[in-house]
C-alpha atoms as a PDB file:
ATOM      1  CA  MET A   1     -21.238   3.683 -12.889  1.00  0.00           C
ATOM      2  CA  LYS A   2     -19.817   0.258 -10.725  1.00  0.00           C
ATOM      3  CA  ILE A   3     -19.892   1.087  -7.010  1.00  0.00           C
ATOM      4  CA  LEU A   4     -16.729  -0.448  -5.347  1.00  0.00           C
ATOM      5  CA  PHE A   5     -16.948   0.491  -1.553  1.00  0.00           C
ATOM      6  CA  ARG A   6     -19.499   3.003   0.246  1.00  0.00           C
ATOM      7  CA  GLY A   7     -18.271   4.072   3.359  1.00  0.00           C
ATOM      8  CA  ALA A   8     -18.753   7.037   6.033  1.00  0.00           C
ATOM      9  CA  GLU A   9     -16.192   9.008   4.660  1.00  0.00           C
ATOM     10  CA  SER A  10     -16.017   8.181   0.861  1.00  0.00           C
ATOM     11  CA  ILE A  11     -17.638   6.632  -1.904  1.00  0.00           C
ATOM     12  CA  ILE A  12     -15.064   4.549  -4.707  1.00  0.00           C
ATOM     13  CA  TYR A  13     -16.618   3.736  -7.886  1.00  0.00           C
ATOM     14  CA  VAL A  14     -15.838   3.007 -11.673  1.00  0.00           C
ATOM     15  CA  LYS A  15     -17.005   5.169 -14.305  1.00  0.00           C
ATOM     16  CA  ASN A  16     -15.378   4.861 -18.011  1.00  0.00           C
ATOM     17  CA  ASN A  17     -12.889   2.572 -16.538  1.00  0.00           C
ATOM     18  CA  ILE A  18     -11.646   5.158 -14.370  1.00  0.00           C
ATOM     19  CA  LEU A  19     -11.503   4.975 -10.695  1.00  0.00           C
ATOM     20  CA  HIS A  20     -13.515   7.675  -8.635  1.00  0.00           C
ATOM     21  CA  LYS A  21     -12.810   8.206  -4.941  1.00  0.00           C
ATOM     22  CA  GLU A  22     -15.420  10.766  -3.968  1.00  0.00           C
ATOM     23  CA  ARG A  23     -14.784  12.365  -0.643  1.00  0.00           C
ATOM     24  CA  LEU A  24     -18.437  13.332   0.985  1.00  0.00           C
ATOM     25  CA  CYS A  25     -19.054  16.176   2.450  1.00  0.00           C
ATOM     26  CA  LYS A  26     -20.134  16.333   6.372  1.00  0.00           C
ATOM     27  CA  GLU A  27     -21.574  19.707   7.630  1.00  0.00           C
ATOM     28  CA  TYR A  28     -21.369  18.589  11.066  1.00  0.00           C
ATOM     29  CA  ARG A  29     -17.490  18.569  10.778  1.00  0.00           C
ATOM     30  CA  LEU A  30     -15.447  20.526  12.383  1.00  0.00           C
ATOM     31  CA  ASN A  31     -12.908  22.601   9.680  1.00  0.00           C
ATOM     32  CA  GLU A  32     -10.027  21.494  11.427  1.00  0.00           C
ATOM     33  CA  LEU A  33     -10.865  18.289  10.717  1.00  0.00           C
ATOM     34  CA  ASP A  34     -11.486  18.957   7.144  1.00  0.00           C
ATOM     35  CA  SER A  35      -8.536  21.018   6.613  1.00  0.00           C
ATOM     36  CA  LYS A  36      -6.812  17.644   8.247  1.00  0.00           C
ATOM     37  CA  ILE A  37      -8.374  15.555   5.767  1.00  0.00           C
ATOM     38  CA  ILE A  38      -7.790  17.672   2.768  1.00  0.00           C
ATOM     39  CA  LYS A  39      -3.721  17.600   3.490  1.00  0.00           C
ATOM     40  CA  GLN A  40      -3.958  13.579   3.799  1.00  0.00           C
ATOM     41  CA  ARG A  41      -5.738  13.457   0.686  1.00  0.00           C
ATOM     42  CA  GLN A  42      -2.899  15.901  -1.035  1.00  0.00           C
ATOM     43  CA  LYS A  43      -0.235  13.816   0.338  1.00  0.00           C
ATOM     44  CA  ARG A  44      -1.700  11.027  -0.988  1.00  0.00           C
ATOM     45  CA  ILE A  45      -1.377  12.193  -4.247  1.00  0.00           C
ATOM     46  CA  LYS A  46       1.749  13.605  -4.149  1.00  0.00           C
ATOM     47  CA  ILE A  47       2.946  10.033  -3.279  1.00  0.00           C
ATOM     48  CA  ILE A  48       1.026   8.495  -6.299  1.00  0.00           C
ATOM     49  CA  GLU A  49       2.789  11.157  -8.316  1.00  0.00           C
ATOM     50  CA  LEU A  50       5.823  10.218  -7.266  1.00  0.00           C
ATOM     51  CA  LEU A  51       5.765   6.864  -7.793  1.00  0.00           C
ATOM     52  CA  ASN A  52       4.117   7.306 -11.216  1.00  0.00           C
ATOM     53  CA  SER A  53       7.661   9.217 -12.182  1.00  0.00           C
ATOM     54  CA  LEU A  54       9.793   6.341 -10.779  1.00  0.00           C
ATOM     55  CA  ASN A  55       7.621   4.066 -13.139  1.00  0.00           C
ATOM     56  CA  ILE A  56       6.632   2.061  -9.933  1.00  0.00           C
ATOM     57  CA  SER A  57       3.751  -0.151 -10.819  1.00  0.00           C
ATOM     58  CA  CYS A  58       0.620   1.731  -9.627  1.00  0.00           C
ATOM     59  CA  PRO A  59      -2.551   3.344 -10.560  1.00  0.00           C
ATOM     60  CA  LYS A  60      -1.519   6.482 -12.644  1.00  0.00           C
ATOM     61  CA  TYR A  61      -3.067   9.935 -10.984  1.00  0.00           C
ATOM     62  CA  LEU A  62      -5.595  11.370 -13.608  1.00  0.00           C
ATOM     63  CA  PHE A  63      -7.042  14.181 -11.924  1.00  0.00           C
ATOM     64  CA  SER A  64      -8.473  15.841  -8.934  1.00  0.00           C
ATOM     65  CA  LYS A  65     -11.483  18.202  -8.427  1.00  0.00           C
ATOM     66  CA  ASP A  66     -13.371  19.335  -5.593  1.00  0.00           C
ATOM     67  CA  ASN A  67     -13.408  16.333  -3.371  1.00  0.00           C
ATOM     68  CA  ILE A  68     -12.945  13.737  -6.490  1.00  0.00           C
ATOM     69  CA  ILE A  69     -10.017  11.965  -6.934  1.00  0.00           C
ATOM     70  CA  MET A  70      -9.605  10.419 -10.619  1.00  0.00           C
ATOM     71  CA  MET A  71      -6.799   7.572 -11.121  1.00  0.00           C
ATOM     72  CA  GLU A  72      -6.478   4.507 -13.684  1.00  0.00           C
ATOM     73  CA  TYR A  73      -8.488   1.473 -12.925  1.00  0.00           C
ATOM     74  CA  ILE A  74      -6.524  -1.557 -12.454  1.00  0.00           C
ATOM     75  CA  ASP A  75      -8.896  -4.219 -13.277  1.00  0.00           C
ATOM     76  CA  GLY A  76      -7.475  -7.583 -11.938  1.00  0.00           C
ATOM     77  CA  LYS A  77      -7.120  -9.962  -9.087  1.00  0.00           C
ATOM     78  CA  THR A  78      -5.563  -9.288  -5.765  1.00  0.00           C
ATOM     79  CA  ILE A  79      -3.263 -11.485  -4.673  1.00  0.00           C
ATOM     80  CA  LYS A  80      -5.250 -12.967  -2.504  1.00  0.00           C
ATOM     81  CA  GLU A  81      -7.420 -14.221  -5.496  1.00  0.00           C
ATOM     82  CA  PHE A  82      -4.155 -14.874  -7.480  1.00  0.00           C
ATOM     83  CA  ILE A  83      -1.410 -17.066  -6.429  1.00  0.00           C
ATOM     84  CA  THR A  84       0.867 -18.133  -8.788  1.00  0.00           C
ATOM     85  CA  GLU A  85       4.798 -19.711  -8.727  1.00  0.00           C
ATOM     86  CA  ASN A  86       6.858 -16.607  -7.804  1.00  0.00           C
ATOM     87  CA  ILE A  87       4.241 -13.701  -7.261  1.00  0.00           C
ATOM     88  CA  PHE A  88       5.182 -13.276  -4.012  1.00  0.00           C
ATOM     89  CA  TYR A  89       8.836 -12.844  -4.986  1.00  0.00           C
ATOM     90  CA  GLU A  90       7.468 -10.243  -7.421  1.00  0.00           C
ATOM     91  CA  VAL A  91       5.790  -8.673  -4.607  1.00  0.00           C
ATOM     92  CA  GLY A  92       9.109  -8.131  -2.663  1.00  0.00           C
ATOM     93  CA  LYS A  93      10.543  -6.624  -5.549  1.00  0.00           C
ATOM     94  CA  LEU A  94       7.953  -4.178  -5.591  1.00  0.00           C
ATOM     95  CA  VAL A  95       7.770  -3.447  -1.884  1.00  0.00           C
ATOM     96  CA  PHE A  96      11.936  -2.937  -2.132  1.00  0.00           C
ATOM     97  CA  LEU A  97      11.548  -0.450  -4.921  1.00  0.00           C
ATOM     98  CA  LEU A  98       9.253   1.596  -2.378  1.00  0.00           C
ATOM     99  CA  HIS A  99      11.314   1.415   0.389  1.00  0.00           C
ATOM    100  CA  LYS A 100      14.371   2.385  -2.179  1.00  0.00           C
ATOM    101  CA  ASN A 101      12.644   5.597  -2.725  1.00  0.00           C
ATOM    102  CA  ASN A 102      12.205   6.234   0.892  1.00  0.00           C
ATOM    103  CA  ILE A 103       8.109   5.310   0.488  1.00  0.00           C
ATOM    104  CA  VAL A 104       6.347   2.769   3.319  1.00  0.00           C
ATOM    105  CA  HIS A 105       3.343   2.127   2.301  1.00  0.00           C
ATOM    106  CA  GLY A 106       1.740   1.994   6.078  1.00  0.00           C
ATOM    107  CA  ASP A 107      -1.045  -0.900   4.759  1.00  0.00           C
ATOM    108  CA  LEU A 108       0.819  -3.646   3.216  1.00  0.00           C
ATOM    109  CA  THR A 109      -1.286  -6.706   2.313  1.00  0.00           C
ATOM    110  CA  THR A 110      -2.184  -9.274  -0.081  1.00  0.00           C
ATOM    111  CA  SER A 111      -5.408  -7.525  -0.949  1.00  0.00           C
ATOM    112  CA  ASN A 112      -3.211  -4.166  -1.645  1.00  0.00           C
ATOM    113  CA  PHE A 113      -1.615  -6.094  -4.747  1.00  0.00           C
ATOM    114  CA  ILE A 114      -3.445  -6.159  -8.091  1.00  0.00           C
ATOM    115  CA  TYR A 115      -2.599  -8.608 -11.215  1.00  0.00           C
ATOM    116  CA  ARG A 116      -3.769  -7.364 -14.477  1.00  0.00           C
ATOM    117  CA  ASP A 117      -0.988  -7.627 -17.073  1.00  0.00           C
ATOM    118  CA  LYS A 118       1.829  -7.130 -14.594  1.00  0.00           C
ATOM    119  CA  LEU A 119       1.922  -6.677 -10.817  1.00  0.00           C
ATOM    120  CA  TYR A 120       0.756  -3.467  -9.276  1.00  0.00           C
ATOM    121  CA  ILE A 121       0.496  -1.872  -5.304  1.00  0.00           C
ATOM    122  CA  ILE A 122      -2.672   0.002  -4.572  1.00  0.00           C
ATOM    123  CA  ASP A 123      -4.206   2.161  -1.624  1.00  0.00           C
ATOM    124  CA  PHE A 124      -2.139   4.615  -0.571  1.00  0.00           C
ATOM    125  CA  GLY A 125      -4.093   6.303   2.014  1.00  0.00           C
ATOM    126  CA  LEU A 126      -1.688   5.241   4.787  1.00  0.00           C
ATOM    127  CA  SER A 127       1.347   5.965   2.837  1.00  0.00           C
ATOM    128  CA  PHE A 128       4.092   8.382   4.002  1.00  0.00           C
ATOM    129  CA  ILE A 129       7.742   9.524   2.907  1.00  0.00           C
ATOM    130  CA  SER A 130      10.480   8.429   4.951  1.00  0.00           C
ATOM    131  CA  LEU A 131      14.361   7.711   5.735  1.00  0.00           C
ATOM    132  CA  LYS A 132      14.031   5.477   8.529  1.00  0.00           C
ATOM    133  CA  ASN A 133      14.997   1.980   8.457  1.00  0.00           C
ATOM    134  CA  GLU A 134      12.314   1.178  11.367  1.00  0.00           C
ATOM    135  CA  ASP A 135       9.468   2.645   9.143  1.00  0.00           C
ATOM    136  CA  LYS A 136      10.524   0.280   6.530  1.00  0.00           C
ATOM    137  CA  ALA A 137      10.753  -2.594   9.050  1.00  0.00           C
ATOM    138  CA  VAL A 138       7.235  -2.202  10.326  1.00  0.00           C
ATOM    139  CA  ASP A 139       6.133  -2.105   7.054  1.00  0.00           C
ATOM    140  CA  LEU A 140       7.704  -5.577   6.275  1.00  0.00           C
ATOM    141  CA  PHE A 141       6.605  -6.570   9.722  1.00  0.00           C
ATOM    142  CA  VAL A 142       2.824  -6.002   9.106  1.00  0.00           C
ATOM    143  CA  PHE A 143       3.052  -7.647   5.597  1.00  0.00           C
ATOM    144  CA  GLU A 144       4.439 -10.642   7.454  1.00  0.00           C
ATOM    145  CA  LYS A 145       1.501 -11.109  10.128  1.00  0.00           C
ATOM    146  CA  SER A 146      -0.788 -10.534   6.904  1.00  0.00           C
ATOM    147  CA  ILE A 147       0.731 -13.286   4.875  1.00  0.00           C
ATOM    148  CA  ARG A 148       0.516 -15.497   8.373  1.00  0.00           C
ATOM    149  CA  CYS A 149      -3.093 -14.958   8.597  1.00  0.00           C
ATOM    150  CA  ALA A 150      -4.268 -15.400   4.999  1.00  0.00           C
ATOM    151  CA  HIS A 151      -1.667 -17.719   3.514  1.00  0.00           C
ATOM    152  CA  ASP A 152       0.672 -20.130   3.922  1.00  0.00           C
ATOM    153  CA  GLU A 153       4.029 -19.470   5.700  1.00  0.00           C
ATOM    154  CA  LYS A 154       6.142 -20.177   2.825  1.00  0.00           C
ATOM    155  CA  TYR A 155       5.352 -16.919   1.068  1.00  0.00           C
ATOM    156  CA  ILE A 156       7.066 -15.321   3.349  1.00  0.00           C
ATOM    157  CA  ASP A 157      10.346 -16.222   2.260  1.00  0.00           C
ATOM    158  CA  GLU A 158       9.660 -16.018  -1.278  1.00  0.00           C
ATOM    159  CA  PHE A 159       8.672 -12.587  -0.365  1.00  0.00           C
ATOM    160  CA  TYR A 160      12.001 -11.930   1.566  1.00  0.00           C
ATOM    161  CA  GLU A 161      13.870 -13.262  -1.662  1.00  0.00           C
ATOM    162  CA  GLY A 162      12.553 -10.678  -3.872  1.00  0.00           C
ATOM    163  CA  TYR A 163      13.110  -8.051  -1.428  1.00  0.00           C
ATOM    164  CA  LYS A 164      16.738  -8.710  -0.763  1.00  0.00           C
ATOM    165  CA  SER A 165      17.160  -9.717  -4.695  1.00  0.00           C
ATOM    166  CA  SER A 166      16.741  -6.026  -5.494  1.00  0.00           C
ATOM    167  CA  GLY A 167      19.564  -4.289  -3.613  1.00  0.00           C
ATOM    168  CA  ASP A 168      20.884  -3.484  -0.349  1.00  0.00           C
ATOM    169  CA  THR A 169      18.340  -4.774   2.500  1.00  0.00           C
ATOM    170  CA  LYS A 170      20.948  -5.286   5.910  1.00  0.00           C
ATOM    171  CA  GLU A 171      20.255  -2.454   7.639  1.00  0.00           C
ATOM    172  CA  ILE A 172      16.330  -2.634   7.314  1.00  0.00           C
ATOM    173  CA  MET A 173      16.749  -6.592   7.828  1.00  0.00           C
ATOM    174  CA  GLU A 174      18.265  -6.428  10.926  1.00  0.00           C
ATOM    175  CA  ARG A 175      15.850  -3.290  12.380  1.00  0.00           C
ATOM    176  CA  LEU A 176      13.114  -5.817  11.313  1.00  0.00           C
ATOM    177  CA  GLU A 177      14.379  -8.426  13.864  1.00  0.00           C
ATOM    178  CA  LYS A 178      14.152  -5.799  16.380  1.00  0.00           C
ATOM    179  CA  VAL A 179      10.401  -5.362  15.278  1.00  0.00           C
ATOM    180  CA  ARG A 180       9.974  -8.897  15.293  1.00  0.00           C
ATOM    181  CA  LYS A 181      11.203  -8.975  18.819  1.00  0.00           C
ATOM    182  CA  ARG A 182       9.147  -6.484  20.086  1.00  0.00           C
ATOM    183  CA  GLY A 183       5.857  -7.558  18.302  1.00  0.00           C
ATOM    184  CA  ARG A 184       6.429 -11.307  20.200  1.00  0.00           C
ATOM    185  CA  LYS A 185       6.686  -9.875  23.373  1.00  0.00           C
ATOM    186  CA  HIS A 186       3.838  -7.593  23.160  1.00  0.00           C
ATOM    187  CA  GLU A 187       2.039 -10.579  21.861  1.00  0.00           C
ATOM    188  CA  ILE A 188       3.129 -12.503  24.996  1.00  0.00           C
ATOM    189  CA  GLU A 189       2.213  -9.987  27.255  1.00  0.00           C
ATOM    190  CA  TYR A 190      -1.572 -10.190  26.120  1.00  0.00           C
END
């Protein structure tokens, strides 16, 4: 057993090449909060199952029992560790597939993409289903900010080339401009 992460709410480990996410029980936690956490977990499982059914590159959902979710373990390198020519173009294509299917990741960062034999997207803890271009534009804006914090800005253009190459993105890109303006205004105020 190899522990990947231990936090206040869960422990994530690999056993027999299967990723286990075990939610830690807290005796002092209110039942209402526990119910909310269980619903969020079920929502995450449904999104992963949907992605699997659409053949979108993400870990395969295997099984859940009690407080443990088991998924395929993707042993590879994050984009942060593995920058190659056109990798951000491929990321753009993958994010477009999510948005085309009305899935908003909610936490797009370069750490949530892993390259093994191909590119995979991981960590759907903040994901949700949305028909709104606003939500998709915010998803893109968050990713832009994560690229700016850790990488050369040229990768943003490469990302959008891949995103736009995959289908009609006009309305989402128009909404993204509005989100950027709000973001700049917010930064100036502080």
